[in-house]
Amino acid sequence: MASNNIDKGLDFMNGYAMLKRSRDDSLNATTSGSKTPQYVIQCPGTDIFTSDLGKISGKDASSDTAPCLWIETGAARLATYDSSGQLSGDGKVVSCDPIVLMKYGDWAPSIQQLMIEGKKIDQIIIKRVVSIRQTLEVIQEIDYSTCLIKTYKQEGGTIMFSFNYVEVTDLSRVFGHEGDLLGQRGMKFNSSNLKIESISS
């Protein structure tokens, strides 16, 4: 896979330590506050995830979507400026393996099996959702293609897994007070050929 080799920048176990507080905060919010998830995960065309989320952006999300407690994703450029102001390093951009934190559900064995078997997942979509006028809307959508589950860990009733990917599209959406979509902007990055493009509408 083209989007790996960044363990030194985002080690899985270090990632778990960093997310532990966020996990606890998310669990507290889930049990004592709103039942609306902040993040959901989707694998279109598969039966890995199911839930009772109902509709998101007017579309049924129960057959291939499940709530997440937290996600972490990003990239790194392998270069720094030295004391003379010159750029050192090869300047290559590498993708950090996204980390997903979820409650244990019937999807957990499937995720673990995919990791063990090394099977490709065509698409993983992470969505950040909010309730706007009693309707769940997506304010951020991160679409990963050609994915491979790399790590899996369970602690109590939560699981965490990471995956790598070839291409990612990150879209941010802006809504008005009445729930109307005002516009969106984002970017698409292919880690195999390092091509990037802007998206706006």
C-alpha atoms as a PDB file:
ATOM      1  CA  MET A   1       0.000   0.000   0.000  1.00  0.00           C
ATOM      2  CA  ALA A   2       1.188   3.506  -0.777  1.00  0.00           C
ATOM      3  CA  SER A   3       0.016   5.307   2.335  1.00  0.00           C
ATOM      4  CA  ASN A   4       2.020   3.560   5.008  1.00  0.00           C
ATOM      5  CA  ASN A   5       5.521   3.819   6.496  1.00  0.00           C
ATOM      6  CA  ILE A   6       4.667   6.617   8.906  1.00  0.00           C
ATOM      7  CA  ASP A   7       4.755   4.549  12.096  1.00  0.00           C
ATOM      8  CA  LYS A   8       7.439   6.863  13.479  1.00  0.00           C
ATOM      9  CA  GLY A   9       5.061   9.781  12.971  1.00  0.00           C
ATOM     10  CA  LEU A  10       1.918   8.071  14.253  1.00  0.00           C
ATOM     11  CA  ASP A  11       2.636   4.850  16.098  1.00  0.00           C
ATOM     12  CA  PHE A  12      -0.464   2.782  16.805  1.00  0.00           C
ATOM     13  CA  MET A  13       0.176   2.260  20.493  1.00  0.00           C
ATOM     14  CA  ASN A  14       1.170   5.874  21.020  1.00  0.00           C
ATOM     15  CA  GLY A  15      -1.997   6.810  19.185  1.00  0.00           C
ATOM     16  CA  TYR A  16      -3.984   4.739  21.635  1.00  0.00           C
ATOM     17  CA  ALA A  17      -2.435   6.584  24.567  1.00  0.00           C
ATOM     18  CA  MET A  18      -3.220   9.949  22.976  1.00  0.00           C
ATOM     19  CA  LEU A  19      -6.811   8.959  22.327  1.00  0.00           C
ATOM     20  CA  LYS A  20      -7.480   7.455  25.759  1.00  0.00           C
ATOM     21  CA  ARG A  21      -8.666  10.731  27.278  1.00  0.00           C
ATOM     22  CA  SER A  22     -10.746  11.502  24.197  1.00  0.00           C
ATOM     23  CA  ARG A  23     -12.259   8.043  24.434  1.00  0.00           C
ATOM     24  CA  ASP A  24     -13.279   8.586  28.042  1.00  0.00           C
ATOM     25  CA  ASP A  25     -14.710  12.028  27.269  1.00  0.00           C
ATOM     26  CA  SER A  26     -16.655  10.594  24.342  1.00  0.00           C
ATOM     27  CA  LEU A  27     -18.032   7.771  26.452  1.00  0.00           C
ATOM     28  CA  ASN A  28     -19.161  10.225  29.112  1.00  0.00           C
ATOM     29  CA  ALA A  29     -20.851  12.402  26.509  1.00  0.00           C
ATOM     30  CA  THR A  30     -22.562   9.379  24.976  1.00  0.00           C
ATOM     31  CA  THR A  31     -23.988   8.158  28.281  1.00  0.00           C
ATOM     32  CA  SER A  32     -24.912  11.495  29.849  1.00  0.00           C
ATOM     33  CA  GLY A  33     -25.622  13.829  26.948  1.00  0.00           C
ATOM     34  CA  SER A  34     -27.039  13.773  23.455  1.00  0.00           C
ATOM     35  CA  LYS A  35     -27.333  10.444  21.650  1.00  0.00           C
ATOM     36  CA  THR A  36     -26.302  12.084  18.382  1.00  0.00           C
ATOM     37  CA  PRO A  37     -22.860  10.738  17.400  1.00  0.00           C
ATOM     38  CA  GLN A  38     -20.198  13.207  16.343  1.00  0.00           C
ATOM     39  CA  TYR A  39     -18.613  10.775  13.907  1.00  0.00           C
ATOM     40  CA  VAL A  40     -19.906   7.841  11.888  1.00  0.00           C
ATOM     41  CA  ILE A  41     -18.094   5.317   9.695  1.00  0.00           C
ATOM     42  CA  GLN A  42     -19.380   3.794   6.492  1.00  0.00           C
ATOM     43  CA  CYS A  43     -18.176   1.062   4.120  1.00  0.00           C
ATOM     44  CA  PRO A  44     -20.458   1.298   1.074  1.00  0.00           C
ATOM     45  CA  GLY A  45     -21.374  -1.977  -0.588  1.00  0.00           C
ATOM     46  CA  THR A  46     -20.492  -4.100   2.456  1.00  0.00           C
ATOM     47  CA  ASP A  47     -22.301  -5.424   5.522  1.00  0.00           C
ATOM     48  CA  ILE A  48     -19.464  -4.634   7.954  1.00  0.00           C
ATOM     49  CA  PHE A  49     -21.384  -1.885   9.755  1.00  0.00           C
ATOM     50  CA  THR A  50     -25.046  -1.653  10.753  1.00  0.00           C
ATOM     51  CA  SER A  51     -26.838   0.615  13.222  1.00  0.00           C
ATOM     52  CA  ASP A  52     -30.110   2.266  14.177  1.00  0.00           C
ATOM     53  CA  LEU A  53     -28.949   5.723  13.149  1.00  0.00           C
ATOM     54  CA  GLY A  54     -31.841   6.195  10.743  1.00  0.00           C
ATOM     55  CA  LYS A  55     -31.332   8.889   8.134  1.00  0.00           C
ATOM     56  CA  ILE A  56     -28.273  11.082   7.604  1.00  0.00           C
ATOM     57  CA  SER A  57     -28.637  13.894   5.071  1.00  0.00           C
ATOM     58  CA  GLY A  58     -31.964  12.377   4.098  1.00  0.00           C
ATOM     59  CA  LYS A  59     -30.534   8.950   3.262  1.00  0.00           C
ATOM     60  CA  ASP A  60     -30.962   5.725   5.232  1.00  0.00           C
ATOM     61  CA  ALA A  61     -27.744   4.963   7.124  1.00  0.00           C
ATOM     62  CA  SER A  62     -28.768   1.821   8.990  1.00  0.00           C
ATOM     63  CA  SER A  63     -27.430  -0.782   6.554  1.00  0.00           C
ATOM     64  CA  ASP A  64     -23.769   0.263   6.197  1.00  0.00           C
ATOM     65  CA  THR A  65     -23.001   2.914   8.851  1.00  0.00           C
ATOM     66  CA  ALA A  66     -22.114   2.872  12.557  1.00  0.00           C
ATOM     67  CA  PRO A  67     -21.234   5.537  15.153  1.00  0.00           C
ATOM     68  CA  CYS A  68     -17.615   6.264  16.127  1.00  0.00           C
ATOM     69  CA  LEU A  69     -16.336   7.640  19.403  1.00  0.00           C
ATOM     70  CA  TRP A  70     -13.300   9.357  17.876  1.00  0.00           C
ATOM     71  CA  ILE A  71     -11.084   9.457  14.812  1.00  0.00           C
ATOM     72  CA  GLU A  72      -7.577  10.687  14.112  1.00  0.00           C
ATOM     73  CA  THR A  73      -6.127  11.250  10.661  1.00  0.00           C
ATOM     74  CA  GLY A  74      -3.566  13.402   8.891  1.00  0.00           C
ATOM     75  CA  ALA A  75      -0.337  13.487   6.917  1.00  0.00           C
ATOM     76  CA  ALA A  76       3.268  14.583   7.359  1.00  0.00           C
ATOM     77  CA  ARG A  77       5.951  16.223   5.235  1.00  0.00           C
ATOM     78  CA  LEU A  78       9.392  14.751   5.791  1.00  0.00           C
ATOM     79  CA  ALA A  79      11.287  18.048   5.738  1.00  0.00           C
ATOM     80  CA  THR A  80      12.340  20.828   8.084  1.00  0.00           C
ATOM     81  CA  TYR A  81      14.060  24.200   7.801  1.00  0.00           C
ATOM     82  CA  ASP A  82      17.567  24.279   9.255  1.00  0.00           C
ATOM     83  CA  SER A  83      19.197  27.217  11.060  1.00  0.00           C
ATOM     84  CA  SER A  84      20.226  28.817   7.774  1.00  0.00           C
ATOM     85  CA  GLY A  85      16.688  28.763   6.446  1.00  0.00           C
ATOM     86  CA  GLN A  86      17.355  25.963   3.969  1.00  0.00           C
ATOM     87  CA  LEU A  87      14.919  23.093   3.564  1.00  0.00           C
ATOM     88  CA  SER A  88      16.404  19.776   4.631  1.00  0.00           C
ATOM     89  CA  GLY A  89      14.960  16.331   4.011  1.00  0.00           C
ATOM     90  CA  ASP A  90      13.446  14.914   0.848  1.00  0.00           C
ATOM     91  CA  GLY A  91      10.181  16.836   1.336  1.00  0.00           C
ATOM     92  CA  LYS A  92       8.081  13.766   0.646  1.00  0.00           C
ATOM     93  CA  VAL A  93       4.481  13.831   1.891  1.00  0.00           C
ATOM     94  CA  VAL A  94       3.395  10.630   3.623  1.00  0.00           C
ATOM     95  CA  SER A  95      -0.049   9.734   4.901  1.00  0.00           C
ATOM     96  CA  CYS A  96      -0.609   8.878   8.549  1.00  0.00           C
ATOM     97  CA  ASP A  97      -2.718   5.789   9.094  1.00  0.00           C
ATOM     98  CA  PRO A  98      -6.173   6.918  10.301  1.00  0.00           C
ATOM     99  CA  ILE A  99      -7.188   5.628  13.727  1.00  0.00           C
ATOM    100  CA  VAL A 100     -10.839   4.868  14.523  1.00  0.00           C
ATOM    101  CA  LEU A 101     -12.205   4.406  18.047  1.00  0.00           C
ATOM    102  CA  MET A 102     -15.597   2.695  18.426  1.00  0.00           C
ATOM    103  CA  LYS A 103     -17.725   0.861  20.908  1.00  0.00           C
ATOM    104  CA  TYR A 104     -17.549  -2.902  20.525  1.00  0.00           C
ATOM    105  CA  GLY A 105     -20.302  -4.080  18.195  1.00  0.00           C
ATOM    106  CA  ASP A 106     -21.053  -6.940  15.854  1.00  0.00           C
ATOM    107  CA  TRP A 107     -18.693  -5.265  13.380  1.00  0.00           C
ATOM    108  CA  ALA A 108     -15.650  -5.883  15.607  1.00  0.00           C
ATOM    109  CA  PRO A 109     -14.987  -9.528  14.584  1.00  0.00           C
ATOM    110  CA  SER A 110     -15.345  -8.557  10.918  1.00  0.00           C
ATOM    111  CA  ILE A 111     -12.760  -5.792  11.291  1.00  0.00           C
ATOM    112  CA  GLN A 112     -10.371  -8.134  13.066  1.00  0.00           C
ATOM    113  CA  GLN A 113     -10.859 -10.802  10.396  1.00  0.00           C
ATOM    114  CA  LEU A 114     -10.195  -8.287   7.608  1.00  0.00           C
ATOM    115  CA  MET A 115      -6.955  -7.318   9.345  1.00  0.00           C
ATOM    116  CA  ILE A 116      -5.821 -10.933   9.737  1.00  0.00           C
ATOM    117  CA  GLU A 117      -6.735 -11.911   6.173  1.00  0.00           C
ATOM    118  CA  GLY A 118      -5.263  -8.747   4.674  1.00  0.00           C
ATOM    119  CA  LYS A 119      -8.263  -8.148   2.443  1.00  0.00           C
ATOM    120  CA  LYS A 120      -8.639  -4.855   0.623  1.00  0.00           C
ATOM    121  CA  ILE A 121     -11.584  -2.588   1.444  1.00  0.00           C
ATOM    122  CA  ASP A 122     -12.561  -0.509  -1.562  1.00  0.00           C
ATOM    123  CA  GLN A 123     -13.902   2.457   0.418  1.00  0.00           C
ATOM    124  CA  ILE A 124     -14.054   3.703   4.014  1.00  0.00           C
ATOM    125  CA  ILE A 125     -15.912   6.940   4.691  1.00  0.00           C
ATOM    126  CA  ILE A 126     -15.710   8.912   7.942  1.00  0.00           C
ATOM    127  CA  LYS A 127     -18.433  11.517   8.437  1.00  0.00           C
ATOM    128  CA  ARG A 128     -18.722  14.247  11.054  1.00  0.00           C
ATOM    129  CA  VAL A 129     -22.389  14.893  11.692  1.00  0.00           C
ATOM    130  CA  VAL A 130     -24.452  17.488  13.550  1.00  0.00           C
ATOM    131  CA  SER A 131     -28.148  17.920  14.159  1.00  0.00           C
ATOM    132  CA  ILE A 132     -29.538  20.871  12.189  1.00  0.00           C
ATOM    133  CA  ARG A 133     -33.245  21.552  12.703  1.00  0.00           C
ATOM    134  CA  GLN A 134     -33.694  17.973  13.960  1.00  0.00           C
ATOM    135  CA  THR A 135     -32.001  16.493  10.901  1.00  0.00           C
ATOM    136  CA  LEU A 136     -28.583  14.839  10.912  1.00  0.00           C
ATOM    137  CA  GLU A 137     -26.351  16.585   8.380  1.00  0.00           C
ATOM    138  CA  VAL A 138     -22.755  15.869   7.360  1.00  0.00           C
ATOM    139  CA  ILE A 139     -20.432  18.832   7.953  1.00  0.00           C
ATOM    140  CA  GLN A 140     -17.261  16.904   7.087  1.00  0.00           C
ATOM    141  CA  GLU A 141     -16.761  13.824   4.938  1.00  0.00           C
ATOM    142  CA  ILE A 142     -13.436  12.008   4.559  1.00  0.00           C
ATOM    143  CA  ASP A 143     -13.516   9.404   1.814  1.00  0.00           C
ATOM    144  CA  TYR A 144     -10.648   6.878   1.728  1.00  0.00           C
ATOM    145  CA  SER A 145     -10.200   4.464  -1.176  1.00  0.00           C
ATOM    146  CA  THR A 146      -8.226   1.217  -1.547  1.00  0.00           C
ATOM    147  CA  CYS A 147      -7.849   0.545   2.169  1.00  0.00           C
ATOM    148  CA  LEU A 148      -6.208  -2.131   4.302  1.00  0.00           C
ATOM    149  CA  ILE A 149      -6.821  -2.686   8.023  1.00  0.00           C
ATOM    150  CA  LYS A 150      -3.384  -2.636   9.675  1.00  0.00           C
ATOM    151  CA  THR A 151      -3.954  -2.827  13.434  1.00  0.00           C
ATOM    152  CA  TYR A 152      -6.760  -3.861  15.768  1.00  0.00           C
ATOM    153  CA  LYS A 153      -7.026  -3.525  19.553  1.00  0.00           C
ATOM    154  CA  GLN A 154      -9.802  -4.066  22.079  1.00  0.00           C
ATOM    155  CA  GLU A 155      -9.903  -2.620  25.580  1.00  0.00           C
ATOM    156  CA  GLY A 156     -13.034  -3.441  27.536  1.00  0.00           C
ATOM    157  CA  GLY A 157     -16.063  -2.382  25.564  1.00  0.00           C
ATOM    158  CA  THR A 158     -14.159  -0.282  23.018  1.00  0.00           C
ATOM    159  CA  ILE A 159     -12.127  -1.176  19.962  1.00  0.00           C
ATOM    160  CA  MET A 160      -9.556   0.777  18.006  1.00  0.00           C
ATOM    161  CA  PHE A 161      -8.222   0.010  14.560  1.00  0.00           C
ATOM    162  CA  SER A 162      -6.034   1.731  12.000  1.00  0.00           C
ATOM    163  CA  PHE A 163      -5.866   1.421   8.237  1.00  0.00           C
ATOM    164  CA  ASN A 164      -3.903   2.746   5.308  1.00  0.00           C
ATOM    165  CA  TYR A 165      -5.180   3.920   1.957  1.00  0.00           C
ATOM    166  CA  VAL A 166      -4.206   5.106  -1.503  1.00  0.00           C
ATOM    167  CA  GLU A 167      -6.460   8.138  -2.025  1.00  0.00           C
ATOM    168  CA  VAL A 168      -8.351  10.472   0.299  1.00  0.00           C
ATOM    169  CA  THR A 169     -10.947  13.159  -0.330  1.00  0.00           C
ATOM    170  CA  ASP A 170     -11.669  15.560   2.547  1.00  0.00           C
ATOM    171  CA  LEU A 171     -14.769  17.751   2.173  1.00  0.00           C
ATOM    172  CA  SER A 172     -16.060  20.447   4.547  1.00  0.00           C
ATOM    173  CA  ARG A 173     -19.681  21.580   4.205  1.00  0.00           C
ATOM    174  CA  VAL A 174     -21.244  24.807   5.463  1.00  0.00           C
ATOM    175  CA  PHE A 175     -24.955  25.035   6.293  1.00  0.00           C
ATOM    176  CA  GLY A 176     -27.181  28.034   6.896  1.00  0.00           C
ATOM    177  CA  HIS A 177     -29.437  28.573   9.914  1.00  0.00           C
ATOM    178  CA  GLU A 178     -32.362  27.030   8.047  1.00  0.00           C
ATOM    179  CA  GLY A 179     -30.393  23.890   7.225  1.00  0.00           C
ATOM    180  CA  ASP A 180     -29.660  24.823   3.616  1.00  0.00           C
ATOM    181  CA  LEU A 181     -26.271  23.863   2.186  1.00  0.00           C
ATOM    182  CA  LEU A 182     -24.306  27.047   1.469  1.00  0.00           C
ATOM    183  CA  GLY A 183     -21.297  25.385  -0.109  1.00  0.00           C
ATOM    184  CA  GLN A 184     -18.424  22.998   0.306  1.00  0.00           C
ATOM    185  CA  ARG A 185     -14.690  22.961  -0.174  1.00  0.00           C
ATOM    186  CA  GLY A 186     -12.005  20.384   0.213  1.00  0.00           C
ATOM    187  CA  MET A 187      -9.130  18.532  -1.354  1.00  0.00           C
ATOM    188  CA  LYS A 188      -8.268  15.191  -2.945  1.00  0.00           C
ATOM    189  CA  PHE A 189      -4.850  13.600  -2.434  1.00  0.00           C
ATOM    190  CA  ASN A 190      -3.455  10.454  -4.036  1.00  0.00           C
ATOM    191  CA  SER A 191      -0.538   9.119  -2.031  1.00  0.00           C
ATOM    192  CA  SER A 192       0.687   6.830  -4.813  1.00  0.00           C
ATOM    193  CA  ASN A 193       1.471   9.640  -7.262  1.00  0.00           C
ATOM    194  CA  LEU A 194       1.375  12.580  -4.782  1.00  0.00           C
ATOM    195  CA  LYS A 195      -1.213  14.418  -6.881  1.00  0.00           C
ATOM    196  CA  ILE A 196      -3.494  16.867  -5.072  1.00  0.00           C
ATOM    197  CA  GLU A 197      -6.436  18.900  -6.261  1.00  0.00           C
ATOM    198  CA  SER A 198      -8.776  21.456  -4.689  1.00  0.00           C
ATOM    199  CA  ILE A 199     -12.553  21.046  -4.575  1.00  0.00           C
ATOM    200  CA  SER A 200     -15.070  23.844  -4.137  1.00  0.00           C
ATOM    201  CA  SER A 201     -18.698  24.493  -4.957  1.00  0.00           C
END
